[in-house]
Amino acid sequence: MMIEAMNSRLQENLSLKMIADELYMNPTYLGRLFKDDVGECFSSFLTKLRIQKAIELLNNVTLKVYEVSELVGFKDPAYFSLIFKKYMGMTPQEFQKHNK
């Protein structure tokens, strides 16, 4: 349920506290439950979801990198590029060129 909510709201500035408030739960407790269930912390998992969605969107060569950045919840395209490179080993621009 929580992962579905994360997937459907990637554009938003999501936080564990925000979701915990919506579920009327303590954020620390929810974070512990999430980590026990998924095997990693909320923020790491959210970043991976955003990168996975970015990969899908970058395959659409009509979208600009800054547009993809916004669609997956990164307000700063430079930060998005940095995180994308950390996970994928190449920048979003390189990824897009490589997959044309």
PDB file of N, CA and C in Angstrom:
ATOM      1  N   MET A   1       0.821  -1.188   0.000  1.00  0.00           N
ATOM      2  CA  MET A   1       0.000   0.000   0.000  1.00  0.00           C
ATOM      3  C   MET A   1       0.872   1.262   0.000  1.00  0.00           C
ATOM      4  N   MET A   2       1.896   1.244   0.833  1.00  0.00           N
ATOM      5  CA  MET A   2       2.757   2.420   0.920  1.00  0.00           C
ATOM      6  C   MET A   2       3.577   2.586  -0.361  1.00  0.00           C
ATOM      7  N   ILE A   3       4.047   1.500  -0.934  1.00  0.00           N
ATOM      8  CA  ILE A   3       4.835   1.572  -2.168  1.00  0.00           C
ATOM      9  C   ILE A   3       3.962   2.076  -3.314  1.00  0.00           C
ATOM     10  N   GLU A   4       2.723   1.641  -3.369  1.00  0.00           N
ATOM     11  CA  GLU A   4       1.792   2.135  -4.394  1.00  0.00           C
ATOM     12  C   GLU A   4       1.601   3.643  -4.262  1.00  0.00           C
ATOM     13  N   ALA A   5       1.448   4.102  -3.035  1.00  0.00           N
ATOM     14  CA  ALA A   5       1.282   5.536  -2.791  1.00  0.00           C
ATOM     15  C   ALA A   5       2.533   6.288  -3.236  1.00  0.00           C
ATOM     16  N   MET A   6       3.689   5.727  -2.979  1.00  0.00           N
ATOM     17  CA  MET A   6       4.948   6.360  -3.388  1.00  0.00           C
ATOM     18  C   MET A   6       5.017   6.436  -4.914  1.00  0.00           C
ATOM     19  N   ASN A   7       4.705   5.343  -5.573  1.00  0.00           N
ATOM     20  CA  ASN A   7       4.758   5.294  -7.043  1.00  0.00           C
ATOM     21  C   ASN A   7       3.827   6.303  -7.686  1.00  0.00           C
ATOM     22  N   SER A   8       2.661   6.448  -7.125  1.00  0.00           N
ATOM     23  CA  SER A   8       1.666   7.329  -7.738  1.00  0.00           C
ATOM     24  C   SER A   8       1.921   8.809  -7.441  1.00  0.00           C
ATOM     25  N   ARG A   9       2.842   9.084  -6.527  1.00  0.00           N
ATOM     26  CA  ARG A   9       3.076  10.471  -6.125  1.00  0.00           C
ATOM     27  C   ARG A   9       4.546  10.869  -6.249  1.00  0.00           C
ATOM     28  N   LEU A  10       5.257  10.303  -7.206  1.00  0.00           N
ATOM     29  CA  LEU A  10       6.682  10.581  -7.350  1.00  0.00           C
ATOM     30  C   LEU A  10       6.985  12.054  -7.594  1.00  0.00           C
ATOM     31  N   GLN A  11       6.073  12.769  -8.238  1.00  0.00           N
ATOM     32  CA  GLN A  11       6.286  14.184  -8.538  1.00  0.00           C
ATOM     33  C   GLN A  11       6.287  15.045  -7.278  1.00  0.00           C
ATOM     34  N   GLU A  12       5.629  14.577  -6.259  1.00  0.00           N
ATOM     35  CA  GLU A  12       5.494  15.361  -5.039  1.00  0.00           C
ATOM     36  C   GLU A  12       6.768  15.330  -4.206  1.00  0.00           C
ATOM     37  N   ASN A  13       6.867  16.274  -3.300  1.00  0.00           N
ATOM     38  CA  ASN A  13       7.976  16.312  -2.364  1.00  0.00           C
ATOM     39  C   ASN A  13       7.629  15.380  -1.200  1.00  0.00           C
ATOM     40  N   LEU A  14       7.701  14.089  -1.453  1.00  0.00           N
ATOM     41  CA  LEU A  14       7.280  13.084  -0.479  1.00  0.00           C
ATOM     42  C   LEU A  14       8.262  12.985   0.682  1.00  0.00           C
ATOM     43  N   SER A  15       7.724  12.697   1.833  1.00  0.00           N
ATOM     44  CA  SER A  15       8.561  12.423   2.995  1.00  0.00           C
ATOM     45  C   SER A  15       7.884  11.337   3.823  1.00  0.00           C
ATOM     46  N   LEU A  16       8.686  10.677   4.610  1.00  0.00           N
ATOM     47  CA  LEU A  16       8.145   9.654   5.500  1.00  0.00           C
ATOM     48  C   LEU A  16       7.146  10.286   6.471  1.00  0.00           C
ATOM     49  N   LYS A  17       7.456  11.479   6.951  1.00  0.00           N
ATOM     50  CA  LYS A  17       6.549  12.159   7.874  1.00  0.00           C
ATOM     51  C   LYS A  17       5.202  12.435   7.219  1.00  0.00           C
ATOM     52  N   MET A  18       5.224  12.865   5.969  1.00  0.00           N
ATOM     53  CA  MET A  18       3.981  13.166   5.262  1.00  0.00           C
ATOM     54  C   MET A  18       3.097  11.914   5.164  1.00  0.00           C
ATOM     55  N   ILE A  19       3.698  10.822   4.780  1.00  0.00           N
ATOM     56  CA  ILE A  19       2.930   9.581   4.640  1.00  0.00           C
ATOM     57  C   ILE A  19       2.475   9.076   6.006  1.00  0.00           C
ATOM     58  N   ALA A  20       3.349   9.176   7.001  1.00  0.00           N
ATOM     59  CA  ALA A  20       2.987   8.754   8.355  1.00  0.00           C
ATOM     60  C   ALA A  20       1.804   9.571   8.874  1.00  0.00           C
ATOM     61  N   ASP A  21       1.829  10.881   8.627  1.00  0.00           N
ATOM     62  CA  ASP A  21       0.712  11.733   9.054  1.00  0.00           C
ATOM     63  C   ASP A  21      -0.592  11.297   8.388  1.00  0.00           C
ATOM     64  N   GLU A  22      -0.519  10.968   7.101  1.00  0.00           N
ATOM     65  CA  GLU A  22      -1.720  10.533   6.380  1.00  0.00           C
ATOM     66  C   GLU A  22      -2.251   9.207   6.904  1.00  0.00           C
ATOM     67  N   LEU A  23      -1.354   8.371   7.406  1.00  0.00           N
ATOM     68  CA  LEU A  23      -1.753   7.064   7.936  1.00  0.00           C
ATOM     69  C   LEU A  23      -1.974   7.095   9.449  1.00  0.00           C
ATOM     70  N   TYR A  24      -1.849   8.298  10.028  1.00  0.00           N
ATOM     71  CA  TYR A  24      -1.994   8.468  11.473  1.00  0.00           C
ATOM     72  C   TYR A  24      -1.043   7.564  12.242  1.00  0.00           C
ATOM     73  N   MET A  25       0.230   7.583  11.800  1.00  0.00           N
ATOM     74  CA  MET A  25       1.255   6.758  12.438  1.00  0.00           C
ATOM     75  C   MET A  25       2.446   7.623  12.831  1.00  0.00           C
ATOM     76  N   ASN A  26       3.241   7.108  13.724  1.00  0.00           N
ATOM     77  CA  ASN A  26       4.486   7.758  14.103  1.00  0.00           C
ATOM     78  C   ASN A  26       5.509   7.528  12.981  1.00  0.00           C
ATOM     79  N   PRO A  27       6.174   8.580  12.489  1.00  0.00           N
ATOM     80  CA  PRO A  27       7.125   8.424  11.381  1.00  0.00           C
ATOM     81  C   PRO A  27       8.275   7.450  11.685  1.00  0.00           C
ATOM     82  N   THR A  28       8.777   7.492  12.911  1.00  0.00           N
ATOM     83  CA  THR A  28       9.877   6.589  13.279  1.00  0.00           C
ATOM     84  C   THR A  28       9.419   5.140  13.217  1.00  0.00           C
ATOM     85  N   TYR A  29       8.251   4.884  13.756  1.00  0.00           N
ATOM     86  CA  TYR A  29       7.699   3.534  13.743  1.00  0.00           C
ATOM     87  C   TYR A  29       7.423   3.079  12.310  1.00  0.00           C
ATOM     88  N   LEU A  30       6.825   3.949  11.511  1.00  0.00           N
ATOM     89  CA  LEU A  30       6.532   3.604  10.123  1.00  0.00           C
ATOM     90  C   LEU A  30       7.827   3.333   9.351  1.00  0.00           C
ATOM     91  N   GLY A  31       8.834   4.146   9.599  1.00  0.00           N
ATOM     92  CA  GLY A  31      10.132   3.936   8.946  1.00  0.00           C
ATOM     93  C   GLY A  31      10.735   2.592   9.310  1.00  0.00           C
ATOM     94  N   ARG A  32      10.618   2.208  10.563  1.00  0.00           N
ATOM     95  CA  ARG A  32      11.128   0.910  11.013  1.00  0.00           C
ATOM     96  C   ARG A  32      10.345  -0.230  10.362  1.00  0.00           C
ATOM     97  N   LEU A  33       9.020  -0.096  10.303  1.00  0.00           N
ATOM     98  CA  LEU A  33       8.197  -1.112   9.638  1.00  0.00           C
ATOM     99  C   LEU A  33       8.568  -1.233   8.160  1.00  0.00           C
ATOM    100  N   PHE A  34       8.759  -0.070   7.523  1.00  0.00           N
ATOM    101  CA  PHE A  34       9.108  -0.059   6.105  1.00  0.00           C
ATOM    102  C   PHE A  34      10.435  -0.761   5.876  1.00  0.00           C
ATOM    103  N   LYS A  35      11.422  -0.435   6.681  1.00  0.00           N
ATOM    104  CA  LYS A  35      12.747  -1.043   6.518  1.00  0.00           C
ATOM    105  C   LYS A  35      12.698  -2.547   6.780  1.00  0.00           C
ATOM    106  N   ASP A  36      11.944  -2.959   7.782  1.00  0.00           N
ATOM    107  CA  ASP A  36      11.804  -4.389   8.071  1.00  0.00           C
ATOM    108  C   ASP A  36      11.144  -5.119   6.912  1.00  0.00           C
ATOM    109  N   ASP A  37      10.157  -4.484   6.301  1.00  0.00           N
ATOM    110  CA  ASP A  37       9.391  -5.108   5.221  1.00  0.00           C
ATOM    111  C   ASP A  37      10.147  -5.094   3.891  1.00  0.00           C
ATOM    112  N   VAL A  38      10.748  -3.957   3.550  1.00  0.00           N
ATOM    113  CA  VAL A  38      11.362  -3.772   2.232  1.00  0.00           C
ATOM    114  C   VAL A  38      12.857  -4.074   2.243  1.00  0.00           C
ATOM    115  N   GLY A  39      13.495  -3.873   3.385  1.00  0.00           N
ATOM    116  CA  GLY A  39      14.920  -4.149   3.481  1.00  0.00           C
ATOM    117  C   GLY A  39      15.815  -2.943   3.287  1.00  0.00           C
ATOM    118  N   GLU A  40      15.224  -1.782   3.082  1.00  0.00           N
ATOM    119  CA  GLU A  40      16.004  -0.551   3.008  1.00  0.00           C
ATOM    120  C   GLU A  40      15.156   0.609   3.499  1.00  0.00           C
ATOM    121  N   CYS A  41      15.830   1.712   3.793  1.00  0.00           N
ATOM    122  CA  CYS A  41      15.103   2.841   4.358  1.00  0.00           C
ATOM    123  C   CYS A  41      14.235   3.524   3.296  1.00  0.00           C
ATOM    124  N   PHE A  42      13.280   4.280   3.782  1.00  0.00           N
ATOM    125  CA  PHE A  42      12.292   4.950   2.944  1.00  0.00           C
ATOM    126  C   PHE A  42      12.947   5.818   1.876  1.00  0.00           C
ATOM    127  N   SER A  43      13.880   6.669   2.281  1.00  0.00           N
ATOM    128  CA  SER A  43      14.457   7.627   1.331  1.00  0.00           C
ATOM    129  C   SER A  43      15.251   6.934   0.230  1.00  0.00           C
ATOM    130  N   SER A  44      16.000   5.899   0.568  1.00  0.00           N
ATOM    131  CA  SER A  44      16.750   5.154  -0.452  1.00  0.00           C
ATOM    132  C   SER A  44      15.808   4.481  -1.438  1.00  0.00           C
ATOM    133  N   PHE A  45      14.756   3.894  -0.901  1.00  0.00           N
ATOM    134  CA  PHE A  45      13.785   3.217  -1.757  1.00  0.00           C
ATOM    135  C   PHE A  45      13.080   4.211  -2.672  1.00  0.00           C
ATOM    136  N   LEU A  46      12.714   5.373  -2.127  1.00  0.00           N
ATOM    137  CA  LEU A  46      12.056   6.406  -2.917  1.00  0.00           C
ATOM    138  C   LEU A  46      12.967   6.890  -4.047  1.00  0.00           C
ATOM    139  N   THR A  47      14.236   7.076  -3.747  1.00  0.00           N
ATOM    140  CA  THR A  47      15.185   7.504  -4.777  1.00  0.00           C
ATOM    141  C   THR A  47      15.285   6.459  -5.881  1.00  0.00           C
ATOM    142  N   LYS A  48      15.337   5.191  -5.516  1.00  0.00           N
ATOM    143  CA  LYS A  48      15.390   4.122  -6.530  1.00  0.00           C
ATOM    144  C   LYS A  48      14.136   4.121  -7.396  1.00  0.00           C
ATOM    145  N   LEU A  49      12.974   4.305  -6.783  1.00  0.00           N
ATOM    146  CA  LEU A  49      11.726   4.388  -7.555  1.00  0.00           C
ATOM    147  C   LEU A  49      11.786   5.544  -8.545  1.00  0.00           C
ATOM    148  N   ARG A  50      12.292   6.681  -8.087  1.00  0.00           N
ATOM    149  CA  ARG A  50      12.383   7.848  -8.956  1.00  0.00           C
ATOM    150  C   ARG A  50      13.352   7.610 -10.113  1.00  0.00           C
ATOM    151  N   ILE A  51      14.461   6.961  -9.857  1.00  0.00           N
ATOM    152  CA  ILE A  51      15.433   6.677 -10.916  1.00  0.00           C
ATOM    153  C   ILE A  51      14.840   5.681 -11.914  1.00  0.00           C
ATOM    154  N   GLN A  52      14.139   4.661 -11.424  1.00  0.00           N
ATOM    155  CA  GLN A  52      13.499   3.695 -12.323  1.00  0.00           C
ATOM    156  C   GLN A  52      12.493   4.372 -13.237  1.00  0.00           C
ATOM    157  N   LYS A  53      11.692   5.274 -12.678  1.00  0.00           N
ATOM    158  CA  LYS A  53      10.712   6.006 -13.481  1.00  0.00           C
ATOM    159  C   LYS A  53      11.428   6.932 -14.460  1.00  0.00           C
ATOM    160  N   ALA A  54      12.521   7.535 -14.031  1.00  0.00           N
ATOM    161  CA  ALA A  54      13.297   8.414 -14.914  1.00  0.00           C
ATOM    162  C   ALA A  54      13.841   7.636 -16.105  1.00  0.00           C
ATOM    163  N   ILE A  55      14.290   6.418 -15.884  1.00  0.00           N
ATOM    164  CA  ILE A  55      14.799   5.576 -16.972  1.00  0.00           C
ATOM    165  C   ILE A  55      13.708   5.356 -18.008  1.00  0.00           C
ATOM    166  N   GLU A  56      12.498   5.040 -17.538  1.00  0.00           N
ATOM    167  CA  GLU A  56      11.369   4.863 -18.464  1.00  0.00           C
ATOM    168  C   GLU A  56      11.128   6.134 -19.270  1.00  0.00           C
ATOM    169  N   LEU A  57      11.109   7.266 -18.576  1.00  0.00           N
ATOM    170  CA  LEU A  57      10.816   8.534 -19.236  1.00  0.00           C
ATOM    171  C   LEU A  57      11.931   8.977 -20.170  1.00  0.00           C
ATOM    172  N   LEU A  58      13.170   8.686 -19.828  1.00  0.00           N
ATOM    173  CA  LEU A  58      14.294   9.094 -20.675  1.00  0.00           C
ATOM    174  C   LEU A  58      14.334   8.317 -21.988  1.00  0.00           C
ATOM    175  N   ASN A  59      13.686   7.172 -22.015  1.00  0.00           N
ATOM    176  CA  ASN A  59      13.593   6.424 -23.272  1.00  0.00           C
ATOM    177  C   ASN A  59      12.707   7.143 -24.284  1.00  0.00           C
ATOM    178  N   ASN A  60      11.902   8.081 -23.804  1.00  0.00           N
ATOM    179  CA  ASN A  60      11.104   8.941 -24.672  1.00  0.00           C
ATOM    180  C   ASN A  60      11.971  10.155 -25.007  1.00  0.00           C
ATOM    181  N   VAL A  61      12.598  10.125 -26.173  1.00  0.00           N
ATOM    182  CA  VAL A  61      13.589  11.152 -26.514  1.00  0.00           C
ATOM    183  C   VAL A  61      12.984  12.534 -26.734  1.00  0.00           C
ATOM    184  N   THR A  62      11.675  12.646 -26.735  1.00  0.00           N
ATOM    185  CA  THR A  62      11.073  13.972 -26.897  1.00  0.00           C
ATOM    186  C   THR A  62      11.086  14.762 -25.593  1.00  0.00           C
ATOM    187  N   LEU A  63      11.269  14.075 -24.473  1.00  0.00           N
ATOM    188  CA  LEU A  63      11.316  14.763 -23.176  1.00  0.00           C
ATOM    189  C   LEU A  63      12.729  15.270 -22.899  1.00  0.00           C
ATOM    190  N   LYS A  64      12.814  16.458 -22.385  1.00  0.00           N
ATOM    191  CA  LYS A  64      14.096  17.038 -21.968  1.00  0.00           C
ATOM    192  C   LYS A  64      14.427  16.515 -20.576  1.00  0.00           C
ATOM    193  N   VAL A  65      15.712  16.518 -20.246  1.00  0.00           N
ATOM    194  CA  VAL A  65      16.155  16.012 -18.946  1.00  0.00           C
ATOM    195  C   VAL A  65      15.502  16.795 -17.807  1.00  0.00           C
ATOM    196  N   TYR A  66      15.407  18.114 -17.940  1.00  0.00           N
ATOM    197  CA  TYR A  66      14.794  18.896 -16.852  1.00  0.00           C
ATOM    198  C   TYR A  66      13.316  18.533 -16.681  1.00  0.00           C
ATOM    199  N   GLU A  67      12.636  18.163 -17.776  1.00  0.00           N
ATOM    200  CA  GLU A  67      11.233  17.748 -17.678  1.00  0.00           C
ATOM    201  C   GLU A  67      11.120  16.413 -16.936  1.00  0.00           C
ATOM    202  N   VAL A  68      12.004  15.492 -17.269  1.00  0.00           N
ATOM    203  CA  VAL A  68      12.022  14.194 -16.584  1.00  0.00           C
ATOM    204  C   VAL A  68      12.313  14.412 -15.105  1.00  0.00           C
ATOM    205  N   SER A  69      13.265  15.281 -14.823  1.00  0.00           N
ATOM    206  CA  SER A  69      13.623  15.601 -13.444  1.00  0.00           C
ATOM    207  C   SER A  69      12.396  16.025 -12.645  1.00  0.00           C
ATOM    208  N   GLU A  70      11.615  16.928 -13.197  1.00  0.00           N
ATOM    209  CA  GLU A  70      10.404  17.403 -12.512  1.00  0.00           C
ATOM    210  C   GLU A  70       9.359  16.305 -12.378  1.00  0.00           C
ATOM    211  N   LEU A  71       9.224  15.483 -13.416  1.00  0.00           N
ATOM    212  CA  LEU A  71       8.206  14.424 -13.395  1.00  0.00           C
ATOM    213  C   LEU A  71       8.479  13.352 -12.344  1.00  0.00           C
ATOM    214  N   VAL A  72       9.739  13.205 -11.954  1.00  0.00           N
ATOM    215  CA  VAL A  72      10.066  12.189 -10.951  1.00  0.00           C
ATOM    216  C   VAL A  72      10.384  12.792  -9.587  1.00  0.00           C
ATOM    217  N   GLY A  73      10.091  14.083  -9.420  1.00  0.00           N
ATOM    218  CA  GLY A  73      10.177  14.666  -8.091  1.00  0.00           C
ATOM    219  C   GLY A  73      11.464  15.369  -7.735  1.00  0.00           C
ATOM    220  N   PHE A  74      12.353  15.564  -8.682  1.00  0.00           N
ATOM    221  CA  PHE A  74      13.571  16.335  -8.427  1.00  0.00           C
ATOM    222  C   PHE A  74      13.353  17.746  -8.951  1.00  0.00           C
ATOM    223  N   LYS A  75      13.361  18.712  -8.072  1.00  0.00           N
ATOM    224  CA  LYS A  75      13.124  20.091  -8.496  1.00  0.00           C
ATOM    225  C   LYS A  75      14.375  20.728  -9.102  1.00  0.00           C
ATOM    226  N   ASP A  76      15.544  20.196  -8.785  1.00  0.00           N
ATOM    227  CA  ASP A  76      16.811  20.718  -9.285  1.00  0.00           C
ATOM    228  C   ASP A  76      17.401  19.732 -10.293  1.00  0.00           C
ATOM    229  N   PRO A  77      17.401  20.066 -11.588  1.00  0.00           N
ATOM    230  CA  PRO A  77      17.917  19.155 -12.609  1.00  0.00           C
ATOM    231  C   PRO A  77      19.387  18.768 -12.404  1.00  0.00           C
ATOM    232  N   ALA A  78      20.180  19.671 -11.845  1.00  0.00           N
ATOM    233  CA  ALA A  78      21.592  19.353 -11.597  1.00  0.00           C
ATOM    234  C   ALA A  78      21.707  18.264 -10.526  1.00  0.00           C
ATOM    235  N   TYR A  79      20.899  18.365  -9.487  1.00  0.00           N
ATOM    236  CA  TYR A  79      20.902  17.341  -8.443  1.00  0.00           C
ATOM    237  C   TYR A  79      20.389  16.013  -8.996  1.00  0.00           C
ATOM    238  N   PHE A  80      19.355  16.086  -9.818  1.00  0.00           N
ATOM    239  CA  PHE A  80      18.837  14.887 -10.473  1.00  0.00           C
ATOM    240  C   PHE A  80      19.943  14.201 -11.279  1.00  0.00           C
ATOM    241  N   SER A  81      20.685  14.977 -12.048  1.00  0.00           N
ATOM    242  CA  SER A  81      21.773  14.414 -12.859  1.00  0.00           C
ATOM    243  C   SER A  81      22.822  13.751 -11.980  1.00  0.00           C
ATOM    244  N   LEU A  82      23.152  14.391 -10.859  1.00  0.00           N
ATOM    245  CA  LEU A  82      24.132  13.840  -9.930  1.00  0.00           C
ATOM    246  C   LEU A  82      23.670  12.496  -9.365  1.00  0.00           C
ATOM    247  N   ILE A  83      22.427  12.438  -8.911  1.00  0.00           N
ATOM    248  CA  ILE A  83      21.877  11.199  -8.344  1.00  0.00           C
ATOM    249  C   ILE A  83      21.737  10.128  -9.424  1.00  0.00           C
ATOM    250  N   PHE A  84      21.290  10.514 -10.599  1.00  0.00           N
ATOM    251  CA  PHE A  84      21.139   9.566 -11.702  1.00  0.00           C
ATOM    252  C   PHE A  84      22.493   8.937 -12.035  1.00  0.00           C
ATOM    253  N   LYS A  85      23.518   9.762 -12.101  1.00  0.00           N
ATOM    254  CA  LYS A  85      24.864   9.254 -12.423  1.00  0.00           C
ATOM    255  C   LYS A  85      25.358   8.316 -11.325  1.00  0.00           C
ATOM    256  N   LYS A  86      25.053   8.633 -10.084  1.00  0.00           N
ATOM    257  CA  LYS A  86      25.449   7.776  -8.966  1.00  0.00           C
ATOM    258  C   LYS A  86      24.852   6.374  -9.121  1.00  0.00           C
ATOM    259  N   TYR A  87      23.589   6.303  -9.536  1.00  0.00           N
ATOM    260  CA  TYR A  87      22.912   5.015  -9.669  1.00  0.00           C
ATOM    261  C   TYR A  87      23.204   4.311 -10.986  1.00  0.00           C
ATOM    262  N   MET A  88      23.331   5.071 -12.059  1.00  0.00           N
ATOM    263  CA  MET A  88      23.422   4.479 -13.394  1.00  0.00           C
ATOM    264  C   MET A  88      24.819   4.513 -14.012  1.00  0.00           C
ATOM    265  N   GLY A  89      25.721   5.285 -13.427  1.00  0.00           N
ATOM    266  CA  GLY A  89      27.077   5.354 -13.968  1.00  0.00           C
ATOM    267  C   GLY A  89      27.213   6.270 -15.170  1.00  0.00           C
ATOM    268  N   MET A  90      26.168   6.983 -15.504  1.00  0.00           N
ATOM    269  CA  MET A  90      26.197   7.956 -16.596  1.00  0.00           C
ATOM    270  C   MET A  90      25.143   9.009 -16.328  1.00  0.00           C
ATOM    271  N   THR A  91      25.311  10.166 -16.950  1.00  0.00           N
ATOM    272  CA  THR A  91      24.338  11.239 -16.761  1.00  0.00           C
ATOM    273  C   THR A  91      23.052  10.909 -17.514  1.00  0.00           C
ATOM    274  N   PRO A  92      21.965  11.578 -17.194  1.00  0.00           N
ATOM    275  CA  PRO A  92      20.725  11.355 -17.937  1.00  0.00           C
ATOM    276  C   PRO A  92      20.888  11.659 -19.430  1.00  0.00           C
ATOM    277  N   GLN A  93      21.683  12.686 -19.756  1.00  0.00           N
ATOM    278  CA  GLN A  93      21.914  13.027 -21.158  1.00  0.00           C
ATOM    279  C   GLN A  93      22.649  11.893 -21.877  1.00  0.00           C
ATOM    280  N   GLU A  94      23.672  11.342 -21.221  1.00  0.00           N
ATOM    281  CA  GLU A  94      24.414  10.218 -21.805  1.00  0.00           C
ATOM    282  C   GLU A  94      23.504   9.008 -21.971  1.00  0.00           C
ATOM    283  N   PHE A  95      22.677   8.757 -20.966  1.00  0.00           N
ATOM    284  CA  PHE A  95      21.742   7.639 -21.028  1.00  0.00           C
ATOM    285  C   PHE A  95      20.792   7.806 -22.205  1.00  0.00           C
ATOM    286  N   GLN A  96      20.265   9.013 -22.381  1.00  0.00           N
ATOM    287  CA  GLN A  96      19.323   9.268 -23.459  1.00  0.00           C
ATOM    288  C   GLN A  96      19.994   9.094 -24.819  1.00  0.00           C
ATOM    289  N   LYS A  97      21.217   9.591 -24.986  1.00  0.00           N
ATOM    290  CA  LYS A  97      21.943   9.454 -26.250  1.00  0.00           C
ATOM    291  C   LYS A  97      22.248   7.982 -26.531  1.00  0.00           C
ATOM    292  N   HIS A  98      22.638   7.276 -25.480  1.00  0.00           N
ATOM    293  CA  HIS A  98      23.005   5.860 -25.617  1.00  0.00           C
ATOM    294  C   HIS A  98      21.806   5.000 -26.027  1.00  0.00           C
ATOM    295  N   ASN A  99      20.617   5.397 -25.640  1.00  0.00           N
ATOM    296  CA  ASN A  99      19.417   4.592 -25.898  1.00  0.00           C
ATOM    297  C   ASN A  99      18.576   5.091 -27.057  1.00  0.00           C
ATOM    298  N   LYS A 100      19.133   5.966 -27.876  1.00  0.00           N
ATOM    299  CA  LYS A 100      18.371   6.438 -29.050  1.00  0.00           C
ATOM    300  C   LYS A 100      18.211   5.339 -30.068  1.00  0.00           C
TER     301      LYS A 100
END
